[in-house]
């Protein structure tokens, strides 16, 4: 069943997952563009995870985010990226602000988790 899911996932054109690697090709995390809408030229950005704690706090998240955002705006022709971050994840919120995302609203994700919706426009990034 997992292989079947993976095979169907590889055919998706609106969801890209990238593995973050060191220069020595050691996988340390992942990042994604998903819910890509080519007609309205926007997508969701995120799923940013650095799995191994010894690689956190380095430049992997920053460098990869910059590259993926540039890819989205330049190669895919998108004009806006959106994301949701948990309201109590202050570190992630600040990170996304430094990249250039800004808060557009707060939402109630569920009865247990509040989130903040952020957006980044192509013009603001470049």
C-alpha atoms as a PDB file:
ATOM      1  CA  UNK A   1       0.000   0.000   0.000  1.00  0.00           C
ATOM      2  CA  UNK A   2       2.877   2.393   0.794  1.00  0.00           C
ATOM      3  CA  UNK A   3       4.539   1.652  -2.554  1.00  0.00           C
ATOM      4  CA  UNK A   4       1.257   2.313  -4.340  1.00  0.00           C
ATOM      5  CA  UNK A   5       0.913   5.659  -2.524  1.00  0.00           C
ATOM      6  CA  UNK A   6       4.506   6.608  -3.397  1.00  0.00           C
ATOM      7  CA  UNK A   7       4.051   5.721  -7.071  1.00  0.00           C
ATOM      8  CA  UNK A   8       0.900   7.862  -7.294  1.00  0.00           C
ATOM      9  CA  UNK A   9       2.625  10.678  -5.372  1.00  0.00           C
ATOM     10  CA  UNK A  10       5.449  10.817  -7.921  1.00  0.00           C
ATOM     11  CA  UNK A  11       2.876  11.697 -10.589  1.00  0.00           C
ATOM     12  CA  UNK A  12       1.555  14.756  -8.726  1.00  0.00           C
ATOM     13  CA  UNK A  13       2.281  18.054 -10.407  1.00  0.00           C
ATOM     14  CA  UNK A  14       1.121  20.257  -7.540  1.00  0.00           C
ATOM     15  CA  UNK A  15       3.334  18.923  -4.758  1.00  0.00           C
ATOM     16  CA  UNK A  16       7.128  18.841  -4.578  1.00  0.00           C
ATOM     17  CA  UNK A  17       9.145  17.458  -1.680  1.00  0.00           C
ATOM     18  CA  UNK A  18      12.888  18.133  -1.606  1.00  0.00           C
ATOM     19  CA  UNK A  19      15.472  16.411   0.551  1.00  0.00           C
ATOM     20  CA  UNK A  20      17.915  18.781   2.266  1.00  0.00           C
ATOM     21  CA  UNK A  21      21.475  17.434   2.112  1.00  0.00           C
ATOM     22  CA  UNK A  22      24.886  18.490   3.353  1.00  0.00           C
ATOM     23  CA  UNK A  23      27.691  19.095   0.860  1.00  0.00           C
ATOM     24  CA  UNK A  24      28.705  15.492   1.545  1.00  0.00           C
ATOM     25  CA  UNK A  25      25.215  14.379   0.454  1.00  0.00           C
ATOM     26  CA  UNK A  26      24.065  13.438   3.949  1.00  0.00           C
ATOM     27  CA  UNK A  27      20.283  13.881   4.136  1.00  0.00           C
ATOM     28  CA  UNK A  28      19.376  16.151   7.054  1.00  0.00           C
ATOM     29  CA  UNK A  29      15.803  17.218   6.354  1.00  0.00           C
ATOM     30  CA  UNK A  30      13.086  18.110   3.909  1.00  0.00           C
ATOM     31  CA  UNK A  31      11.141  21.074   2.534  1.00  0.00           C
ATOM     32  CA  UNK A  32       8.113  21.332   0.240  1.00  0.00           C
ATOM     33  CA  UNK A  33       6.001  23.335  -2.136  1.00  0.00           C
ATOM     34  CA  UNK A  34       2.477  21.954  -2.249  1.00  0.00           C
ATOM     35  CA  UNK A  35      -1.066  22.821  -3.296  1.00  0.00           C
ATOM     36  CA  UNK A  36       0.509  24.544  -6.279  1.00  0.00           C
ATOM     37  CA  UNK A  37      -2.111  26.406  -8.288  1.00  0.00           C
ATOM     38  CA  UNK A  38      -0.538  27.355 -11.608  1.00  0.00           C
ATOM     39  CA  UNK A  39      -3.616  29.324 -12.693  1.00  0.00           C
ATOM     40  CA  UNK A  40      -3.641  31.669  -9.690  1.00  0.00           C
ATOM     41  CA  UNK A  41       0.181  31.447  -9.423  1.00  0.00           C
ATOM     42  CA  UNK A  42       0.354  30.559  -5.732  1.00  0.00           C
ATOM     43  CA  UNK A  43       1.361  27.621  -3.561  1.00  0.00           C
ATOM     44  CA  UNK A  44       1.870  26.555   0.014  1.00  0.00           C
ATOM     45  CA  UNK A  45       5.427  26.547   1.329  1.00  0.00           C
ATOM     46  CA  UNK A  46       6.664  24.525   4.254  1.00  0.00           C
ATOM     47  CA  UNK A  47       6.989  21.067   5.688  1.00  0.00           C
ATOM     48  CA  UNK A  48      10.438  22.318   6.642  1.00  0.00           C
ATOM     49  CA  UNK A  49      12.095  19.812   8.928  1.00  0.00           C
ATOM     50  CA  UNK A  50      15.705  19.347   9.964  1.00  0.00           C
ATOM     51  CA  UNK A  51      15.544  15.894  11.503  1.00  0.00           C
ATOM     52  CA  UNK A  52      18.971  15.520  13.049  1.00  0.00           C
ATOM     53  CA  UNK A  53      19.411  17.981  15.918  1.00  0.00           C
ATOM     54  CA  UNK A  54      23.136  18.358  15.244  1.00  0.00           C
ATOM     55  CA  UNK A  55      22.279  20.049  11.924  1.00  0.00           C
ATOM     56  CA  UNK A  56      19.791  22.509  13.391  1.00  0.00           C
ATOM     57  CA  UNK A  57      20.867  26.095  13.897  1.00  0.00           C
ATOM     58  CA  UNK A  58      23.154  25.928  10.881  1.00  0.00           C
ATOM     59  CA  UNK A  59      22.275  27.510   7.526  1.00  0.00           C
ATOM     60  CA  UNK A  60      20.471  24.504   6.000  1.00  0.00           C
ATOM     61  CA  UNK A  61      16.974  25.871   6.625  1.00  0.00           C
ATOM     62  CA  UNK A  62      17.864  29.362   5.444  1.00  0.00           C
ATOM     63  CA  UNK A  63      19.794  28.345   2.328  1.00  0.00           C
ATOM     64  CA  UNK A  64      17.239  25.758   1.272  1.00  0.00           C
ATOM     65  CA  UNK A  65      14.302  28.106   1.865  1.00  0.00           C
ATOM     66  CA  UNK A  66      15.956  30.832  -0.205  1.00  0.00           C
ATOM     67  CA  UNK A  67      16.634  28.377  -3.039  1.00  0.00           C
ATOM     68  CA  UNK A  68      13.128  26.909  -3.007  1.00  0.00           C
ATOM     69  CA  UNK A  69      11.457  30.326  -2.928  1.00  0.00           C
ATOM     70  CA  UNK A  70      13.615  31.473  -5.833  1.00  0.00           C
ATOM     71  CA  UNK A  71      12.731  28.267  -7.721  1.00  0.00           C
ATOM     72  CA  UNK A  72       9.024  28.833  -7.063  1.00  0.00           C
ATOM     73  CA  UNK A  73       9.049  32.421  -8.265  1.00  0.00           C
ATOM     74  CA  UNK A  74      11.535  32.090 -11.126  1.00  0.00           C
ATOM     75  CA  UNK A  75      11.214  28.579 -12.544  1.00  0.00           C
ATOM     76  CA  UNK A  76       7.574  27.827 -11.711  1.00  0.00           C
ATOM     77  CA  UNK A  77       6.355  31.377 -12.390  1.00  0.00           C
ATOM     78  CA  UNK A  78       4.487  31.659  -9.087  1.00  0.00           C
ATOM     79  CA  UNK A  79       3.697  35.063  -7.584  1.00  0.00           C
ATOM     80  CA  UNK A  80       2.727  34.217  -3.994  1.00  0.00           C
ATOM     81  CA  UNK A  81       3.629  31.619  -1.367  1.00  0.00           C
ATOM     82  CA  UNK A  82       1.598  30.933   1.767  1.00  0.00           C
ATOM     83  CA  UNK A  83       2.247  28.970   4.917  1.00  0.00           C
ATOM     84  CA  UNK A  84       0.769  28.082   8.267  1.00  0.00           C
ATOM     85  CA  UNK A  85       2.855  28.047  11.405  1.00  0.00           C
ATOM     86  CA  UNK A  86       1.697  27.030  14.854  1.00  0.00           C
ATOM     87  CA  UNK A  87       1.028  30.124  16.939  1.00  0.00           C
ATOM     88  CA  UNK A  88       3.247  28.939  19.791  1.00  0.00           C
ATOM     89  CA  UNK A  89       6.175  28.129  17.460  1.00  0.00           C
ATOM     90  CA  UNK A  90       7.795  31.527  17.904  1.00  0.00           C
ATOM     91  CA  UNK A  91      11.155  30.382  16.514  1.00  0.00           C
ATOM     92  CA  UNK A  92       9.605  29.249  13.208  1.00  0.00           C
ATOM     93  CA  UNK A  93       7.471  32.404  13.017  1.00  0.00           C
ATOM     94  CA  UNK A  94      10.562  34.621  13.407  1.00  0.00           C
ATOM     95  CA  UNK A  95      12.463  32.527  10.854  1.00  0.00           C
ATOM     96  CA  UNK A  96       9.717  32.980   8.257  1.00  0.00           C
ATOM     97  CA  UNK A  97       9.537  36.710   9.019  1.00  0.00           C
ATOM     98  CA  UNK A  98      13.276  37.021   8.369  1.00  0.00           C
ATOM     99  CA  UNK A  99      12.813  35.315   5.005  1.00  0.00           C
ATOM    100  CA  UNK A 100      10.168  37.923   4.146  1.00  0.00           C
ATOM    101  CA  UNK A 101       6.843  36.252   4.966  1.00  0.00           C
ATOM    102  CA  UNK A 102       4.358  38.430   6.821  1.00  0.00           C
ATOM    103  CA  UNK A 103       1.359  37.547   8.929  1.00  0.00           C
ATOM    104  CA  UNK A 104      -2.004  37.916   7.257  1.00  0.00           C
ATOM    105  CA  UNK A 105      -4.266  36.269   9.849  1.00  0.00           C
ATOM    106  CA  UNK A 106      -4.559  33.921  12.753  1.00  0.00           C
ATOM    107  CA  UNK A 107      -6.732  30.868  12.440  1.00  0.00           C
ATOM    108  CA  UNK A 108      -8.037  28.136  14.647  1.00  0.00           C
ATOM    109  CA  UNK A 109      -6.570  24.961  13.147  1.00  0.00           C
ATOM    110  CA  UNK A 110      -8.412  22.754  15.584  1.00  0.00           C
ATOM    111  CA  UNK A 111      -9.659  22.997  19.112  1.00  0.00           C
ATOM    112  CA  UNK A 112      -6.105  22.320  20.295  1.00  0.00           C
ATOM    113  CA  UNK A 113      -3.850  24.194  17.849  1.00  0.00           C
ATOM    114  CA  UNK A 114      -3.941  27.829  16.786  1.00  0.00           C
ATOM    115  CA  UNK A 115      -1.968  28.750  13.703  1.00  0.00           C
ATOM    116  CA  UNK A 116      -0.786  31.874  11.944  1.00  0.00           C
ATOM    117  CA  UNK A 117      -1.167  32.235   8.194  1.00  0.00           C
ATOM    118  CA  UNK A 118       1.709  34.020   6.493  1.00  0.00           C
ATOM    119  CA  UNK A 119       2.339  35.056   2.898  1.00  0.00           C
ATOM    120  CA  UNK A 120       5.238  36.134   0.705  1.00  0.00           C
ATOM    121  CA  UNK A 121       4.857  37.955  -2.611  1.00  0.00           C
ATOM    122  CA  UNK A 122       7.373  37.646  -5.437  1.00  0.00           C
ATOM    123  CA  UNK A 123       8.065  41.399  -5.511  1.00  0.00           C
ATOM    124  CA  UNK A 124       8.749  41.486  -1.773  1.00  0.00           C
ATOM    125  CA  UNK A 125      11.196  38.601  -2.031  1.00  0.00           C
ATOM    126  CA  UNK A 126      13.236  40.013  -4.913  1.00  0.00           C
END
